[in-house]
Amino acid sequence: MLKPILLVEDNPHDLELTLLALERSQLANEVVIKRDGAEALDYLLRRGDYQSRDDGNPAVLLLDLKLPKIDGLEVLKTVRETPALRSIPVVMLTSSREEPDLLRAYEMGVNAYVVKPVEFKDFVAAISDLGIFWAVLNEPPPGSLRLKRTRRIEELDD
């Protein structure tokens, strides 16, 4: 079983486009969707409705910056301060080109900051590249199940 991709996005249009782009990249990873920062943290920390979810962290966290309840930077801060979550790759996927947002995200330990392209074709290409890199090509931290990832790469080669 491949590790899921956790997508935290509150905008229905951006969510639909992101899912379409991930589908077009033909990744086999399940995409877990959360609509606000509080729900994302509950999922990651296995609390509330998610106490009984399977062990393990997502392959990557695609995180919107501006979220209801708890914003993306606060989610990032909690992820980086929680030893069990610290190694999750976090990609800030946002429409904000504000330099303070960019600087703060990198200071807090984001792995990548991607501004959502306006053109559909560019958006699909960007999401597809992100999904393939983080879910397939990126070398996971020690302790991750490499065999599962290797099988996926072999499937892509066929």
C-alpha atoms as a PDB file:
ATOM      1  CA  MET A   1       0.000   0.000   0.000  1.00  0.00           C
ATOM      2  CA  LEU A   2       1.382   3.385  -1.019  1.00  0.00           C
ATOM      3  CA  LYS A   3       1.442   6.271   1.396  1.00  0.00           C
ATOM      4  CA  PRO A   4      -1.382   8.752   0.771  1.00  0.00           C
ATOM      5  CA  ILE A   5      -1.053  12.342  -0.351  1.00  0.00           C
ATOM      6  CA  LEU A   6      -2.701  14.715   2.127  1.00  0.00           C
ATOM      7  CA  LEU A   7      -4.317  17.657   0.340  1.00  0.00           C
ATOM      8  CA  VAL A   8      -5.555  20.514   2.524  1.00  0.00           C
ATOM      9  CA  GLU A   9      -7.616  22.902   0.417  1.00  0.00           C
ATOM     10  CA  ASP A  10     -10.789  24.854   1.201  1.00  0.00           C
ATOM     11  CA  ASN A  11     -11.504  26.336  -2.237  1.00  0.00           C
ATOM     12  CA  PRO A  12     -13.799  23.914  -4.147  1.00  0.00           C
ATOM     13  CA  HIS A  13     -12.521  25.075  -7.553  1.00  0.00           C
ATOM     14  CA  ASP A  14      -8.837  24.685  -6.592  1.00  0.00           C
ATOM     15  CA  LEU A  15      -9.617  21.333  -4.968  1.00  0.00           C
ATOM     16  CA  GLU A  16     -11.279  20.043  -8.138  1.00  0.00           C
ATOM     17  CA  LEU A  17      -8.400  21.245 -10.325  1.00  0.00           C
ATOM     18  CA  THR A  18      -5.789  19.729  -8.005  1.00  0.00           C
ATOM     19  CA  LEU A  19      -7.560  16.366  -7.952  1.00  0.00           C
ATOM     20  CA  LEU A  20      -7.872  16.396 -11.734  1.00  0.00           C
ATOM     21  CA  ALA A  21      -4.182  17.207 -12.093  1.00  0.00           C
ATOM     22  CA  LEU A  22      -3.171  14.420  -9.695  1.00  0.00           C
ATOM     23  CA  GLU A  23      -5.420  12.006 -11.581  1.00  0.00           C
ATOM     24  CA  ARG A  24      -3.812  12.956 -14.884  1.00  0.00           C
ATOM     25  CA  SER A  25      -0.367  12.243 -13.408  1.00  0.00           C
ATOM     26  CA  GLN A  26      -1.587   8.646 -12.926  1.00  0.00           C
ATOM     27  CA  LEU A  27      -0.308   8.323  -9.361  1.00  0.00           C
ATOM     28  CA  ALA A  28      -1.640   5.310  -7.522  1.00  0.00           C
ATOM     29  CA  ASN A  29      -1.477   7.100  -4.158  1.00  0.00           C
ATOM     30  CA  GLU A  30      -4.765   7.723  -2.382  1.00  0.00           C
ATOM     31  CA  VAL A  31      -5.487  11.432  -1.950  1.00  0.00           C
ATOM     32  CA  VAL A  32      -6.849  12.317   1.487  1.00  0.00           C
ATOM     33  CA  ILE A  33      -8.711  15.639   1.434  1.00  0.00           C
ATOM     34  CA  LYS A  34      -9.145  17.962   4.390  1.00  0.00           C
ATOM     35  CA  ARG A  35     -10.931  21.322   4.090  1.00  0.00           C
ATOM     36  CA  ASP A  36      -9.397  23.298   6.972  1.00  0.00           C
ATOM     37  CA  GLY A  37      -6.293  23.404   9.132  1.00  0.00           C
ATOM     38  CA  ALA A  38      -7.998  22.010  12.238  1.00  0.00           C
ATOM     39  CA  GLU A  39      -9.216  18.927  10.385  1.00  0.00           C
ATOM     40  CA  ALA A  40      -5.754  18.437   8.837  1.00  0.00           C
ATOM     41  CA  LEU A  41      -4.097  18.512  12.260  1.00  0.00           C
ATOM     42  CA  ASP A  42      -6.682  16.119  13.699  1.00  0.00           C
ATOM     43  CA  TYR A  43      -5.895  13.722  10.858  1.00  0.00           C
ATOM     44  CA  LEU A  44      -2.110  14.060  11.213  1.00  0.00           C
ATOM     45  CA  LEU A  45      -2.143  13.813  15.013  1.00  0.00           C
ATOM     46  CA  ARG A  46      -4.679  10.951  14.963  1.00  0.00           C
ATOM     47  CA  ARG A  47      -7.176  12.607  17.247  1.00  0.00           C
ATOM     48  CA  GLY A  48     -10.944  12.974  17.235  1.00  0.00           C
ATOM     49  CA  ASP A  49     -12.520  11.199  14.258  1.00  0.00           C
ATOM     50  CA  TYR A  50      -9.058  10.027  13.133  1.00  0.00           C
ATOM     51  CA  GLN A  51      -7.917   8.183  16.278  1.00  0.00           C
ATOM     52  CA  SER A  52      -8.222   4.837  14.539  1.00  0.00           C
ATOM     53  CA  ARG A  53      -6.713   5.765  11.154  1.00  0.00           C
ATOM     54  CA  ASP A  54      -3.858   3.589   9.905  1.00  0.00           C
ATOM     55  CA  ASP A  55      -0.367   4.219  11.235  1.00  0.00           C
ATOM     56  CA  GLY A  56       2.052   6.249   9.180  1.00  0.00           C
ATOM     57  CA  ASN A  57       2.347   9.671   7.683  1.00  0.00           C
ATOM     58  CA  PRO A  58       1.396  10.844   4.215  1.00  0.00           C
ATOM     59  CA  ALA A  59       3.972  10.801   1.409  1.00  0.00           C
ATOM     60  CA  VAL A  60       3.528  14.566   1.127  1.00  0.00           C
ATOM     61  CA  LEU A  61       1.322  17.293   2.585  1.00  0.00           C
ATOM     62  CA  LEU A  62      -0.019  19.711  -0.053  1.00  0.00           C
ATOM     63  CA  LEU A  63      -1.072  22.640   2.078  1.00  0.00           C
ATOM     64  CA  ASP A  64      -2.969  25.793   1.175  1.00  0.00           C
ATOM     65  CA  LEU A  65      -1.765  28.907   2.966  1.00  0.00           C
ATOM     66  CA  LYS A  66      -5.102  30.556   3.666  1.00  0.00           C
ATOM     67  CA  LEU A  67      -7.383  28.067   5.420  1.00  0.00           C
ATOM     68  CA  PRO A  68     -10.361  28.363   7.757  1.00  0.00           C
ATOM     69  CA  LYS A  69     -10.017  27.626  11.490  1.00  0.00           C
ATOM     70  CA  ILE A  70      -6.218  27.181  11.471  1.00  0.00           C
ATOM     71  CA  ASP A  71      -4.162  28.682   8.644  1.00  0.00           C
ATOM     72  CA  GLY A  72      -1.530  26.815   6.661  1.00  0.00           C
ATOM     73  CA  LEU A  73       1.423  28.398   8.472  1.00  0.00           C
ATOM     74  CA  GLU A  74       0.067  27.245  11.837  1.00  0.00           C
ATOM     75  CA  VAL A  75      -0.389  23.729  10.456  1.00  0.00           C
ATOM     76  CA  LEU A  76       3.194  23.849   9.161  1.00  0.00           C
ATOM     77  CA  LYS A  77       4.432  25.051  12.554  1.00  0.00           C
ATOM     78  CA  THR A  78       2.705  22.175  14.354  1.00  0.00           C
ATOM     79  CA  VAL A  79       4.031  19.631  11.838  1.00  0.00           C
ATOM     80  CA  ARG A  80       7.605  20.872  12.265  1.00  0.00           C
ATOM     81  CA  GLU A  81       7.321  20.968  16.085  1.00  0.00           C
ATOM     82  CA  THR A  82       5.880  17.439  16.379  1.00  0.00           C
ATOM     83  CA  PRO A  83       8.628  14.782  16.275  1.00  0.00           C
ATOM     84  CA  ALA A  84       6.369  12.116  14.727  1.00  0.00           C
ATOM     85  CA  LEU A  85       5.375  14.497  11.892  1.00  0.00           C
ATOM     86  CA  ARG A  86       8.585  16.474  11.364  1.00  0.00           C
ATOM     87  CA  SER A  87       9.831  14.398   8.411  1.00  0.00           C
ATOM     88  CA  ILE A  88       6.675  14.839   6.293  1.00  0.00           C
ATOM     89  CA  PRO A  89       7.495  16.821   3.148  1.00  0.00           C
ATOM     90  CA  VAL A  90       5.282  19.910   3.120  1.00  0.00           C
ATOM     91  CA  VAL A  91       4.506  21.798  -0.079  1.00  0.00           C
ATOM     92  CA  MET A  92       2.733  25.107   0.351  1.00  0.00           C
ATOM     93  CA  LEU A  93       0.329  25.288  -2.571  1.00  0.00           C
ATOM     94  CA  THR A  94      -1.120  28.771  -2.602  1.00  0.00           C
ATOM     95  CA  SER A  95      -2.216  31.733  -4.676  1.00  0.00           C
ATOM     96  CA  SER A  96      -0.233  34.126  -2.454  1.00  0.00           C
ATOM     97  CA  ARG A  97       2.784  35.753  -4.066  1.00  0.00           C
ATOM     98  CA  GLU A  98       3.323  37.896  -0.975  1.00  0.00           C
ATOM     99  CA  GLU A  99       7.013  37.935  -0.061  1.00  0.00           C
ATOM    100  CA  PRO A 100       6.322  37.850   3.722  1.00  0.00           C
ATOM    101  CA  ASP A 101       4.258  34.652   3.261  1.00  0.00           C
ATOM    102  CA  LEU A 102       7.037  33.074   1.214  1.00  0.00           C
ATOM    103  CA  LEU A 103       9.769  34.030   3.683  1.00  0.00           C
ATOM    104  CA  ARG A 104       7.779  32.925   6.716  1.00  0.00           C
ATOM    105  CA  ALA A 105       6.951  29.551   5.136  1.00  0.00           C
ATOM    106  CA  TYR A 106      10.618  28.842   4.397  1.00  0.00           C
ATOM    107  CA  GLU A 107      11.703  30.047   7.838  1.00  0.00           C
ATOM    108  CA  MET A 108       9.216  27.584   9.332  1.00  0.00           C
ATOM    109  CA  GLY A 109      10.587  24.661   7.324  1.00  0.00           C
ATOM    110  CA  VAL A 110       8.398  24.243   4.242  1.00  0.00           C
ATOM    111  CA  ASN A 111      10.011  22.012   1.615  1.00  0.00           C
ATOM    112  CA  ALA A 112       8.565  23.878  -1.365  1.00  0.00           C
ATOM    113  CA  TYR A 113       6.369  26.902  -2.012  1.00  0.00           C
ATOM    114  CA  VAL A 114       4.339  26.739  -5.196  1.00  0.00           C
ATOM    115  CA  VAL A 115       2.141  29.569  -6.407  1.00  0.00           C
ATOM    116  CA  LYS A 116      -0.930  28.175  -8.131  1.00  0.00           C
ATOM    117  CA  PRO A 117      -0.718  29.017 -11.840  1.00  0.00           C
ATOM    118  CA  VAL A 118      -3.707  30.820 -13.308  1.00  0.00           C
ATOM    119  CA  GLU A 119      -3.763  28.884 -16.598  1.00  0.00           C
ATOM    120  CA  PHE A 120      -5.369  25.443 -16.287  1.00  0.00           C
ATOM    121  CA  LYS A 121      -2.692  23.722 -18.410  1.00  0.00           C
ATOM    122  CA  ASP A 122       0.094  25.200 -16.246  1.00  0.00           C
ATOM    123  CA  PHE A 123      -1.746  24.278 -13.055  1.00  0.00           C
ATOM    124  CA  VAL A 124      -2.156  20.650 -14.184  1.00  0.00           C
ATOM    125  CA  ALA A 125       1.514  20.432 -15.134  1.00  0.00           C
ATOM    126  CA  ALA A 126       2.657  21.912 -11.796  1.00  0.00           C
ATOM    127  CA  ILE A 127       0.493  19.562  -9.696  1.00  0.00           C
ATOM    128  CA  SER A 128       1.475  16.544 -11.769  1.00  0.00           C
ATOM    129  CA  ASP A 129       5.169  17.350 -11.316  1.00  0.00           C
ATOM    130  CA  LEU A 130       4.679  17.837  -7.570  1.00  0.00           C
ATOM    131  CA  GLY A 131       2.824  14.561  -7.171  1.00  0.00           C
ATOM    132  CA  ILE A 132       5.356  12.548  -9.140  1.00  0.00           C
ATOM    133  CA  PHE A 133       8.322  14.094  -7.342  1.00  0.00           C
ATOM    134  CA  TRP A 134       7.074  13.767  -3.769  1.00  0.00           C
ATOM    135  CA  ALA A 135       5.121  10.517  -4.067  1.00  0.00           C
ATOM    136  CA  VAL A 136       7.422   8.588  -6.410  1.00  0.00           C
ATOM    137  CA  LEU A 137      10.871  10.122  -6.923  1.00  0.00           C
ATOM    138  CA  ASN A 138      11.671  11.635  -3.536  1.00  0.00           C
ATOM    139  CA  GLU A 139      13.723   9.403  -1.239  1.00  0.00           C
ATOM    140  CA  PRO A 140      11.632   8.980   1.918  1.00  0.00           C
ATOM    141  CA  PRO A 141      13.125   9.318   5.404  1.00  0.00           C
ATOM    142  CA  PRO A 142      14.665   6.232   7.058  1.00  0.00           C
ATOM    143  CA  GLY A 143      12.054   3.799   8.279  1.00  0.00           C
ATOM    144  CA  SER A 144       9.690   4.315   5.353  1.00  0.00           C
ATOM    145  CA  LEU A 145       8.702   1.300   3.330  1.00  0.00           C
ATOM    146  CA  ARG A 146      10.988   1.491   0.315  1.00  0.00           C
ATOM    147  CA  LEU A 147       9.671  -1.749  -1.208  1.00  0.00           C
ATOM    148  CA  LYS A 148       6.271  -0.235  -1.830  1.00  0.00           C
ATOM    149  CA  ARG A 149       7.809   2.792  -3.503  1.00  0.00           C
ATOM    150  CA  THR A 150      10.078   0.600  -5.610  1.00  0.00           C
ATOM    151  CA  ARG A 151       7.091  -1.414  -6.839  1.00  0.00           C
ATOM    152  CA  ARG A 152       5.406   1.813  -7.966  1.00  0.00           C
ATOM    153  CA  ILE A 153       8.496   2.875  -9.919  1.00  0.00           C
ATOM    154  CA  GLU A 154       8.610  -0.537 -11.608  1.00  0.00           C
ATOM    155  CA  GLU A 155       4.936  -0.118 -12.562  1.00  0.00           C
ATOM    156  CA  LEU A 156       5.740   3.238 -14.145  1.00  0.00           C
ATOM    157  CA  ASP A 157       8.569   1.679 -16.148  1.00  0.00           C
ATOM    158  CA  ASP A 158       6.229  -0.927 -17.694  1.00  0.00           C
END
